[in-house]
């Protein structure tokens, strides 16, 4: 699992590029055919504010290379300010589930 903390400006577009790797040797994990979900909430137990999946907002860029992109759209963060918790989970075609990414997302106000 990778810890990714990042800061962005409210109302901007942000793309998170993620590579899923094996712990032992850091080689890429094949995510072909996987279902991926990403969620953002105020706290770990808080209600979900933004939800992305391979149906909408997440694209697998290389299945065999273990890479995918999460796109955060301007409308997703237009009304957000402060610190939030985010997490991505992969459900592999075998049914195995793995949390591959988590961290803090800070949304700052913009001038424009």
C-alpha atoms as a PDB file:
ATOM      1  CA  UNK A   1       0.000   0.000   0.000  1.00  0.00           C
ATOM      2  CA  UNK A   2       1.159   3.473  -0.832  1.00  0.00           C
ATOM      3  CA  UNK A   3       0.595   6.550   1.363  1.00  0.00           C
ATOM      4  CA  UNK A   4      -0.066   9.630  -0.753  1.00  0.00           C
ATOM      5  CA  UNK A   5      -0.708  13.012   0.830  1.00  0.00           C
ATOM      6  CA  UNK A   6      -1.299  15.897  -1.546  1.00  0.00           C
ATOM      7  CA  UNK A   7      -2.618  19.455  -1.715  1.00  0.00           C
ATOM      8  CA  UNK A   8      -4.782  20.958  -4.418  1.00  0.00           C
ATOM      9  CA  UNK A   9      -6.751  24.137  -5.045  1.00  0.00           C
ATOM     10  CA  UNK A  10     -10.555  23.968  -4.769  1.00  0.00           C
ATOM     11  CA  UNK A  11     -12.165  23.840  -8.203  1.00  0.00           C
ATOM     12  CA  UNK A  12      -9.060  22.596 -10.037  1.00  0.00           C
ATOM     13  CA  UNK A  13      -8.600  19.381 -12.009  1.00  0.00           C
ATOM     14  CA  UNK A  14      -6.195  16.865 -10.457  1.00  0.00           C
ATOM     15  CA  UNK A  15      -5.063  13.491 -11.780  1.00  0.00           C
ATOM     16  CA  UNK A  16      -3.546  10.964  -9.392  1.00  0.00           C
ATOM     17  CA  UNK A  17      -1.400   8.370 -11.165  1.00  0.00           C
ATOM     18  CA  UNK A  18      -1.078   5.154  -9.173  1.00  0.00           C
ATOM     19  CA  UNK A  19       1.100   2.073  -9.695  1.00  0.00           C
ATOM     20  CA  UNK A  20       0.133  -1.111  -7.853  1.00  0.00           C
ATOM     21  CA  UNK A  21       3.230  -3.120  -6.895  1.00  0.00           C
ATOM     22  CA  UNK A  22       4.114  -6.323  -5.103  1.00  0.00           C
ATOM     23  CA  UNK A  23       5.684  -5.691  -1.689  1.00  0.00           C
ATOM     24  CA  UNK A  24       8.471  -8.266  -1.963  1.00  0.00           C
ATOM     25  CA  UNK A  25      10.241  -7.005  -5.072  1.00  0.00           C
ATOM     26  CA  UNK A  26       8.349  -3.807  -6.045  1.00  0.00           C
ATOM     27  CA  UNK A  27       7.320  -5.346  -9.379  1.00  0.00           C
ATOM     28  CA  UNK A  28       4.068  -4.179 -10.982  1.00  0.00           C
ATOM     29  CA  UNK A  29       0.905  -6.089 -10.143  1.00  0.00           C
ATOM     30  CA  UNK A  30      -1.348  -6.977 -13.075  1.00  0.00           C
ATOM     31  CA  UNK A  31      -4.674  -5.165 -12.622  1.00  0.00           C
ATOM     32  CA  UNK A  32      -6.216  -6.217 -15.938  1.00  0.00           C
ATOM     33  CA  UNK A  33      -9.935  -6.791 -15.423  1.00  0.00           C
ATOM     34  CA  UNK A  34      -9.856  -5.298 -11.919  1.00  0.00           C
ATOM     35  CA  UNK A  35     -12.521  -3.017 -10.453  1.00  0.00           C
ATOM     36  CA  UNK A  36     -11.054   0.014  -8.698  1.00  0.00           C
ATOM     37  CA  UNK A  37     -12.801   2.385  -6.283  1.00  0.00           C
ATOM     38  CA  UNK A  38     -11.523   5.649  -4.777  1.00  0.00           C
ATOM     39  CA  UNK A  39     -13.338   7.584  -2.063  1.00  0.00           C
ATOM     40  CA  UNK A  40     -12.840  10.844  -0.195  1.00  0.00           C
ATOM     41  CA  UNK A  41     -14.332  11.672   3.205  1.00  0.00           C
ATOM     42  CA  UNK A  42     -13.843  14.272   5.952  1.00  0.00           C
ATOM     43  CA  UNK A  43     -12.791  11.499   8.365  1.00  0.00           C
ATOM     44  CA  UNK A  44     -12.311   7.736   8.312  1.00  0.00           C
ATOM     45  CA  UNK A  45     -15.818   7.289   9.685  1.00  0.00           C
ATOM     46  CA  UNK A  46     -17.370  10.228   7.839  1.00  0.00           C
ATOM     47  CA  UNK A  47     -19.738  10.157   4.908  1.00  0.00           C
ATOM     48  CA  UNK A  48     -18.222   9.844   1.439  1.00  0.00           C
ATOM     49  CA  UNK A  49     -17.928  13.218  -0.317  1.00  0.00           C
ATOM     50  CA  UNK A  50     -16.378  12.068  -3.609  1.00  0.00           C
ATOM     51  CA  UNK A  51     -16.555   8.595  -5.122  1.00  0.00           C
ATOM     52  CA  UNK A  52     -14.755   7.412  -8.273  1.00  0.00           C
ATOM     53  CA  UNK A  53     -14.603   3.988  -9.898  1.00  0.00           C
ATOM     54  CA  UNK A  54     -13.517   2.272 -13.059  1.00  0.00           C
ATOM     55  CA  UNK A  55     -17.026   3.062 -14.316  1.00  0.00           C
ATOM     56  CA  UNK A  56     -16.538   6.819 -13.822  1.00  0.00           C
ATOM     57  CA  UNK A  57     -13.395   8.772 -12.981  1.00  0.00           C
ATOM     58  CA  UNK A  58     -10.793   5.988 -12.863  1.00  0.00           C
ATOM     59  CA  UNK A  59      -9.034   4.624 -15.924  1.00  0.00           C
ATOM     60  CA  UNK A  60      -6.645   1.693 -16.020  1.00  0.00           C
ATOM     61  CA  UNK A  61      -3.736   3.020 -18.084  1.00  0.00           C
ATOM     62  CA  UNK A  62      -1.739  -0.240 -18.160  1.00  0.00           C
ATOM     63  CA  UNK A  63      -3.320  -3.413 -16.811  1.00  0.00           C
ATOM     64  CA  UNK A  64      -0.116  -5.467 -16.999  1.00  0.00           C
ATOM     65  CA  UNK A  65       1.910  -2.493 -15.722  1.00  0.00           C
ATOM     66  CA  UNK A  66      -0.393  -2.055 -12.726  1.00  0.00           C
ATOM     67  CA  UNK A  67      -1.142   1.609 -13.411  1.00  0.00           C
ATOM     68  CA  UNK A  68      -4.335   3.613 -13.185  1.00  0.00           C
ATOM     69  CA  UNK A  69      -5.351   7.274 -13.066  1.00  0.00           C
ATOM     70  CA  UNK A  70      -7.927   8.889 -10.786  1.00  0.00           C
ATOM     71  CA  UNK A  71      -9.332  12.143 -12.168  1.00  0.00           C
ATOM     72  CA  UNK A  72     -10.691  14.692  -9.704  1.00  0.00           C
ATOM     73  CA  UNK A  73     -12.879  17.161 -11.584  1.00  0.00           C
ATOM     74  CA  UNK A  74     -13.355  20.872 -10.727  1.00  0.00           C
ATOM     75  CA  UNK A  75     -16.939  20.299  -9.550  1.00  0.00           C
ATOM     76  CA  UNK A  76     -15.733  17.622  -7.094  1.00  0.00           C
ATOM     77  CA  UNK A  77     -13.809  20.130  -4.957  1.00  0.00           C
ATOM     78  CA  UNK A  78     -15.509  23.462  -5.727  1.00  0.00           C
ATOM     79  CA  UNK A  79     -17.166  23.566  -2.287  1.00  0.00           C
ATOM     80  CA  UNK A  80     -14.428  21.830  -0.261  1.00  0.00           C
ATOM     81  CA  UNK A  81     -11.784  23.405   1.990  1.00  0.00           C
ATOM     82  CA  UNK A  82      -9.526  21.742   4.521  1.00  0.00           C
ATOM     83  CA  UNK A  83      -8.167  18.255   5.160  1.00  0.00           C
ATOM     84  CA  UNK A  84      -9.794  15.037   3.962  1.00  0.00           C
ATOM     85  CA  UNK A  85      -9.010  11.317   3.971  1.00  0.00           C
ATOM     86  CA  UNK A  86      -8.787   9.371   0.694  1.00  0.00           C
ATOM     87  CA  UNK A  87      -8.426   5.694  -0.120  1.00  0.00           C
ATOM     88  CA  UNK A  88      -8.289   3.471  -3.214  1.00  0.00           C
ATOM     89  CA  UNK A  89      -9.184  -0.207  -3.288  1.00  0.00           C
ATOM     90  CA  UNK A  90      -8.656  -2.759  -6.052  1.00  0.00           C
ATOM     91  CA  UNK A  91     -10.873  -5.810  -6.490  1.00  0.00           C
ATOM     92  CA  UNK A  92      -8.928  -8.188  -8.703  1.00  0.00           C
ATOM     93  CA  UNK A  93     -10.564 -10.525 -11.210  1.00  0.00           C
ATOM     94  CA  UNK A  94      -9.778 -13.372  -8.762  1.00  0.00           C
ATOM     95  CA  UNK A  95     -12.004 -11.714  -6.139  1.00  0.00           C
ATOM     96  CA  UNK A  96      -9.034 -10.689  -3.976  1.00  0.00           C
ATOM     97  CA  UNK A  97      -9.414  -7.174  -2.511  1.00  0.00           C
ATOM     98  CA  UNK A  98      -6.513  -4.874  -1.663  1.00  0.00           C
ATOM     99  CA  UNK A  99      -6.324  -1.300  -0.394  1.00  0.00           C
ATOM    100  CA  UNK A 100      -3.529   0.114  -2.540  1.00  0.00           C
ATOM    101  CA  UNK A 101      -3.559   3.808  -1.678  1.00  0.00           C
ATOM    102  CA  UNK A 102      -4.514   6.021   1.238  1.00  0.00           C
ATOM    103  CA  UNK A 103      -3.621   9.398   2.590  1.00  0.00           C
ATOM    104  CA  UNK A 104      -4.584  12.994   3.295  1.00  0.00           C
ATOM    105  CA  UNK A 105      -5.877  15.397   0.669  1.00  0.00           C
ATOM    106  CA  UNK A 106      -5.735  19.088   1.562  1.00  0.00           C
ATOM    107  CA  UNK A 107      -7.983  21.454  -0.406  1.00  0.00           C
ATOM    108  CA  UNK A 108      -6.950  25.104  -0.335  1.00  0.00           C
ATOM    109  CA  UNK A 109      -8.929  28.110  -1.531  1.00  0.00           C
ATOM    110  CA  UNK A 110      -8.001  29.698  -4.823  1.00  0.00           C
ATOM    111  CA  UNK A 111      -7.603  33.351  -5.694  1.00  0.00           C
ATOM    112  CA  UNK A 112      -9.246  33.107  -9.122  1.00  0.00           C
END
